[in-house]
């Protein structure tokens, strides 16, 4: 059996990883690095810089439409959030053009889950809306990591209906676990790691359970609002009961669905769909 955790920890040494991604990971793990170092990396990649700014204008960072450049993003959001956004954008770029539209659908699904998680966080405050948004945005990052490390095998199961079972059979770990390991290595906040690790199953989730439940429900609601074959969550009676158990109501589903539909043009434009 492969050493999945070891492979993830040495990700930046893989020759196929883009230079920008390698530099970001090296900077994050360098205790002597500063925002100046991070900013220099981001600014030298115009596409990355533009998309960091675009995501920084998401509704749950509270500055929608006000952030025009990287300096403003850092001033208003802080170093940690900008760093997290840059890593999330870079990791999703690892799929590149090989997967074409399916990659864009996965990106769009992840953004939508982030949006819904932020909306749920407004209703049942478990942490800041920004953290909920990021946790939702990153919930499927393990799928990208698996693809990057083991593309020949993983490509065949990546969008399978039984992806969790297939991943466990291949790697003895699912993409939630792999995503959690990657985020630990990349020094993400513990609450985001917990949400990513447990977004499919809350079993064993003891710390930061509120945000984990939020992302768990957000992914299920995404499948209800915008069914995609690239998404691997589903709405069920169990999730509906959990939704109501957390003090949410039927009208909350309707309200969130309305906002998701309103945001669809931006999502499609952002991911060039």
Protein backbone atom coordinates (compact mmCIF):
# COMPACT_ATOMS: atom_id res chain seq x y z
CA UNK A 1 0.00 0.00 0.00
CA UNK A 2 1.26 3.46 -0.86
CA UNK A 3 2.31 5.99 1.74
CA UNK A 4 -0.39 8.50 0.77
CA UNK A 5 0.40 10.92 3.57
CA UNK A 6 4.08 10.83 2.71
CA UNK A 7 3.35 11.45 -0.98
CA UNK A 8 1.20 14.46 -0.09
CA UNK A 9 3.86 15.92 2.20
CA UNK A 10 6.39 15.75 -0.65
CA UNK A 11 3.99 17.12 -3.26
CA UNK A 12 6.09 20.17 -4.04
CA UNK A 13 8.96 17.98 -5.26
CA UNK A 14 6.88 16.45 -8.08
CA UNK A 15 8.16 17.62 -11.47
CA UNK A 16 4.68 18.14 -12.94
CA UNK A 17 3.62 20.65 -10.27
CA UNK A 18 3.63 24.22 -11.65
CA UNK A 19 6.41 26.48 -10.44
CA UNK A 20 3.95 28.90 -8.80
CA UNK A 21 2.40 26.10 -6.75
CA UNK A 22 5.82 24.89 -5.62
CA UNK A 23 6.83 28.38 -4.57
CA UNK A 24 3.60 28.90 -2.64
CA UNK A 25 4.09 25.65 -0.71
CA UNK A 26 7.72 26.44 0.01
CA UNK A 27 6.82 29.95 1.22
CA UNK A 28 4.04 28.68 3.48
CA UNK A 29 6.41 26.20 5.12
CA UNK A 30 9.18 28.74 5.59
CA UNK A 31 8.86 30.29 9.05
CA UNK A 32 10.93 33.27 7.92
CA UNK A 33 8.64 34.14 5.01
CA UNK A 34 6.33 37.13 5.07
CA UNK A 35 3.43 38.58 3.12
CA UNK A 36 5.96 40.32 0.87
CA UNK A 37 7.21 36.91 -0.29
CA UNK A 38 3.69 35.58 -0.80
CA UNK A 39 2.56 38.73 -2.60
CA UNK A 40 5.52 38.58 -4.97
CA UNK A 41 4.61 35.03 -6.01
CA UNK A 42 0.93 35.85 -6.56
CA UNK A 43 1.58 39.10 -8.43
CA UNK A 44 3.91 37.40 -10.90
CA UNK A 45 1.04 35.21 -12.06
CA UNK A 46 -1.61 37.54 -13.47
CA UNK A 47 -4.29 34.85 -13.72
CA UNK A 48 -3.75 33.77 -10.10
CA UNK A 49 -3.73 37.37 -8.88
CA UNK A 50 -6.97 38.20 -10.71
CA UNK A 51 -8.76 35.14 -9.37
CA UNK A 52 -7.57 35.70 -5.81
CA UNK A 53 -9.08 39.19 -6.02
CA UNK A 54 -12.29 37.82 -7.59
CA UNK A 55 -12.78 35.26 -4.82
CA UNK A 56 -11.90 37.88 -2.20
CA UNK A 57 -15.00 39.73 -3.44
CA UNK A 58 -17.26 36.75 -2.63
CA UNK A 59 -20.24 37.76 -0.47
CA UNK A 60 -18.96 36.11 2.68
CA UNK A 61 -15.76 38.09 2.86
CA UNK A 62 -18.04 41.14 3.39
CA UNK A 63 -16.27 43.33 0.82
CA UNK A 64 -18.10 42.28 -2.35
CA UNK A 65 -17.05 44.52 -5.25
CA UNK A 66 -14.76 46.68 -3.11
CA UNK A 67 -11.48 44.80 -3.56
CA UNK A 68 -9.64 45.77 -6.73
CA UNK A 69 -6.12 44.46 -6.16
CA UNK A 70 -4.01 42.13 -4.05
CA UNK A 71 -2.93 44.86 -1.63
CA UNK A 72 -6.55 45.69 -0.83
CA UNK A 73 -7.37 42.00 -0.45
CA UNK A 74 -4.62 41.56 2.11
CA UNK A 75 -5.50 44.74 3.96
CA UNK A 76 -9.19 43.85 4.24
CA UNK A 77 -8.99 40.05 4.58
CA UNK A 78 -5.63 39.51 6.23
CA UNK A 79 -2.58 37.43 5.31
CA UNK A 80 -4.03 34.06 6.35
CA UNK A 81 -7.17 34.33 4.23
CA UNK A 82 -5.32 35.58 1.16
CA UNK A 83 -2.80 32.77 1.53
CA UNK A 84 -5.63 30.23 1.79
CA UNK A 85 -7.38 31.59 -1.30
CA UNK A 86 -4.14 31.52 -3.31
CA UNK A 87 -3.48 27.91 -2.37
CA UNK A 88 -7.05 26.85 -3.19
CA UNK A 89 -6.90 28.48 -6.63
CA UNK A 90 -3.47 26.98 -7.34
CA UNK A 91 -4.46 23.48 -6.29
CA UNK A 92 -7.51 23.45 -8.52
CA UNK A 93 -5.31 24.62 -11.37
CA UNK A 94 -3.31 21.40 -11.02
CA UNK A 95 -5.90 19.64 -13.17
CA UNK A 96 -5.12 22.11 -15.92
CA UNK A 97 -6.84 21.54 -19.24
CA UNK A 98 -6.66 17.77 -19.23
CA UNK A 99 -10.09 17.35 -17.75
CA UNK A 100 -11.64 20.26 -19.63
CA UNK A 101 -15.23 21.00 -18.75
CA UNK A 102 -15.39 18.44 -15.94
CA UNK A 103 -12.65 20.34 -14.13
CA UNK A 104 -14.59 23.59 -14.46
CA UNK A 105 -17.73 21.86 -13.17
CA UNK A 106 -15.80 20.60 -10.13
CA UNK A 107 -14.46 24.11 -9.50
CA UNK A 108 -17.94 25.60 -9.87
CA UNK A 109 -19.39 22.97 -7.53
CA UNK A 110 -16.74 23.78 -4.94
CA UNK A 111 -17.43 27.51 -5.19
CA UNK A 112 -21.16 26.85 -4.84
CA UNK A 113 -20.62 24.71 -1.73
CA UNK A 114 -18.53 27.56 -0.30
CA UNK A 115 -21.32 30.03 -1.03
CA UNK A 116 -23.95 27.79 0.60
CA UNK A 117 -21.72 27.14 3.62
CA UNK A 118 -21.36 30.89 4.12
CA UNK A 119 -25.14 31.32 3.89
CA UNK A 120 -25.71 28.53 6.41
CA UNK A 121 -23.12 30.10 8.69
CA UNK A 122 -25.22 33.27 8.69
CA UNK A 123 -28.20 31.24 9.90
CA UNK A 124 -26.38 29.08 12.46
CA UNK A 125 -23.21 30.95 13.46
CA UNK A 126 -20.46 28.43 14.18
CA UNK A 127 -17.52 30.54 12.98
CA UNK A 128 -17.03 33.46 10.58
CA UNK A 129 -18.76 33.39 7.21
CA UNK A 130 -15.37 33.74 5.54
CA UNK A 131 -14.04 30.59 7.18
CA UNK A 132 -17.21 28.67 6.25
CA UNK A 133 -16.86 29.87 2.66
CA UNK A 134 -13.24 28.74 2.45
CA UNK A 135 -13.99 25.35 4.02
CA UNK A 136 -16.72 24.81 1.45
CA UNK A 137 -14.52 25.98 -1.40
CA UNK A 138 -11.84 23.49 -0.36
CA UNK A 139 -14.04 20.54 0.59
CA UNK A 140 -13.16 18.46 -2.50
CA UNK A 141 -9.50 19.43 -2.68
CA UNK A 142 -8.51 15.83 -1.92
CA UNK A 143 -9.90 14.76 -5.29
CA UNK A 144 -7.48 17.14 -7.00
CA UNK A 145 -4.61 15.88 -4.85
CA UNK A 146 -5.38 12.25 -5.74
CA UNK A 147 -5.54 13.17 -9.43
CA UNK A 148 -2.24 15.03 -9.24
CA UNK A 149 -0.43 12.17 -7.53
CA UNK A 150 -2.08 9.16 -9.17
CA UNK A 151 -3.75 10.34 -12.38
CA UNK A 152 -3.61 7.07 -14.38
CA UNK A 153 -5.56 5.17 -11.72
CA UNK A 154 -7.65 7.96 -10.30
CA UNK A 155 -8.97 9.36 -13.57
CA UNK A 156 -11.19 6.29 -13.97
CA UNK A 157 -12.91 6.73 -10.58
CA UNK A 158 -12.73 10.48 -9.96
CA UNK A 159 -16.31 11.14 -11.03
CA UNK A 160 -17.74 7.71 -10.24
CA UNK A 161 -20.97 7.59 -8.23
CA UNK A 162 -19.18 5.35 -5.71
CA UNK A 163 -16.06 7.52 -5.59
CA UNK A 164 -15.57 7.15 -1.81
CA UNK A 165 -15.61 3.36 -1.99
CA UNK A 166 -13.38 3.31 -5.07
CA UNK A 167 -10.85 5.68 -3.45
CA UNK A 168 -10.73 3.60 -0.29
CA UNK A 169 -10.17 0.47 -2.34
CA UNK A 170 -7.33 2.06 -4.28
CA UNK A 171 -5.60 4.12 -1.60
CA UNK A 172 -7.00 2.99 1.76
CA UNK A 173 -8.13 6.61 2.23
CA UNK A 174 -10.85 8.79 0.73
CA UNK A 175 -10.49 12.32 -0.65
CA UNK A 176 -11.70 13.89 2.61
CA UNK A 177 -8.79 12.28 4.45
CA UNK A 178 -6.33 13.20 1.68
CA UNK A 179 -7.59 16.78 1.63
CA UNK A 180 -7.19 17.00 5.40
CA UNK A 181 -3.60 15.82 5.18
CA UNK A 182 -2.79 18.34 2.44
CA UNK A 183 -4.30 21.21 4.41
CA UNK A 184 -2.40 20.17 7.55
CA UNK A 185 0.80 20.20 5.54
CA UNK A 186 -0.13 23.61 4.12
CA UNK A 187 -0.75 25.01 7.64
CA UNK A 188 -4.47 25.76 7.22
CA UNK A 189 -6.62 26.52 10.28
CA UNK A 190 -7.74 23.45 12.21
CA UNK A 191 -11.44 24.18 11.73
CA UNK A 192 -11.09 24.16 7.93
CA UNK A 193 -9.12 20.90 8.09
CA UNK A 194 -11.85 19.31 10.20
CA UNK A 195 -14.61 20.42 7.81
CA UNK A 196 -12.77 19.08 4.75
CA UNK A 197 -11.91 15.80 6.45
CA UNK A 198 -15.49 15.14 7.56
CA UNK A 199 -17.55 16.65 4.75
CA UNK A 200 -18.90 13.23 3.72
CA UNK A 201 -19.15 11.58 7.12
CA UNK A 202 -19.34 13.22 10.53
CA UNK A 203 -18.30 10.00 12.23
CA UNK A 204 -15.33 10.64 14.51
CA UNK A 205 -15.64 14.42 14.22
CA UNK A 206 -15.16 15.79 17.72
CA UNK A 207 -13.48 19.18 17.30
CA UNK A 208 -15.02 22.00 15.25
CA UNK A 209 -18.11 19.90 14.58
CA UNK A 210 -20.26 22.96 13.85
CA UNK A 211 -18.33 23.94 10.73
CA UNK A 212 -18.06 20.29 9.66
CA UNK A 213 -21.86 19.96 9.84
CA UNK A 214 -22.20 23.22 7.91
CA UNK A 215 -20.05 22.03 4.99
CA UNK A 216 -21.63 18.54 5.13
CA UNK A 217 -25.07 20.12 4.66
CA UNK A 218 -23.81 22.67 2.12
CA UNK A 219 -22.53 19.93 -0.19
CA UNK A 220 -25.86 18.10 0.07
CA UNK A 221 -27.83 21.27 -0.68
CA UNK A 222 -25.62 21.98 -3.69
CA UNK A 223 -26.68 18.65 -5.19
CA UNK A 224 -30.29 19.64 -4.57
CA UNK A 225 -29.98 23.06 -6.25
CA UNK A 226 -27.51 22.28 -9.05
CA UNK A 227 -27.16 18.56 -9.80
CA UNK A 228 -23.80 17.84 -11.40
CA UNK A 229 -22.24 14.50 -12.25
CA UNK A 230 -18.93 15.96 -11.03
CA UNK A 231 -20.40 16.52 -7.53
CA UNK A 232 -20.40 13.57 -5.16
CA UNK A 233 -22.81 14.69 -2.44
CA UNK A 234 -26.53 14.03 -2.19
CA UNK A 235 -29.56 15.30 -0.29
CA UNK A 236 -31.25 12.64 1.82
CA UNK A 237 -33.78 12.21 4.63
CA UNK A 238 -30.90 11.92 7.12
CA UNK A 239 -29.43 15.23 5.96
CA UNK A 240 -32.84 16.84 5.96
CA UNK A 241 -33.31 15.77 9.60
CA UNK A 242 -29.84 17.11 10.47
CA UNK A 243 -30.71 20.38 8.73
CA UNK A 244 -33.83 20.87 10.86
CA UNK A 245 -32.09 19.62 14.01
CA UNK A 246 -29.70 22.56 13.67
CA UNK A 247 -32.55 25.05 13.86
CA UNK A 248 -32.93 25.63 10.13
CA UNK A 249 -36.29 25.75 8.37
CA UNK A 250 -37.83 24.97 5.00
CA UNK A 251 -37.85 28.67 4.11
CA UNK A 252 -34.06 28.71 4.65
CA UNK A 253 -33.68 26.15 1.87
CA UNK A 254 -35.81 28.32 -0.42
CA UNK A 255 -33.84 31.46 0.50
CA UNK A 256 -30.46 29.82 -0.07
CA UNK A 257 -31.64 28.31 -3.35
CA UNK A 258 -32.70 31.76 -4.58
CA UNK A 259 -29.27 33.24 -3.83
CA UNK A 260 -27.46 30.33 -5.49
CA UNK A 261 -29.51 30.85 -8.65
CA UNK A 262 -28.74 34.58 -8.55
CA UNK A 263 -25.02 33.82 -8.29
CA UNK A 264 -25.03 31.28 -11.14
CA UNK A 265 -24.10 33.81 -13.88
CA UNK A 266 -21.05 34.94 -11.88
CA UNK A 267 -19.99 31.33 -11.23
CA UNK A 268 -20.33 30.39 -14.90
CA UNK A 269 -18.41 33.47 -15.98
CA UNK A 270 -15.68 33.03 -13.38
CA UNK A 271 -15.00 29.46 -14.43
CA UNK A 272 -15.47 30.21 -18.13
CA UNK A 273 -18.22 27.64 -18.48
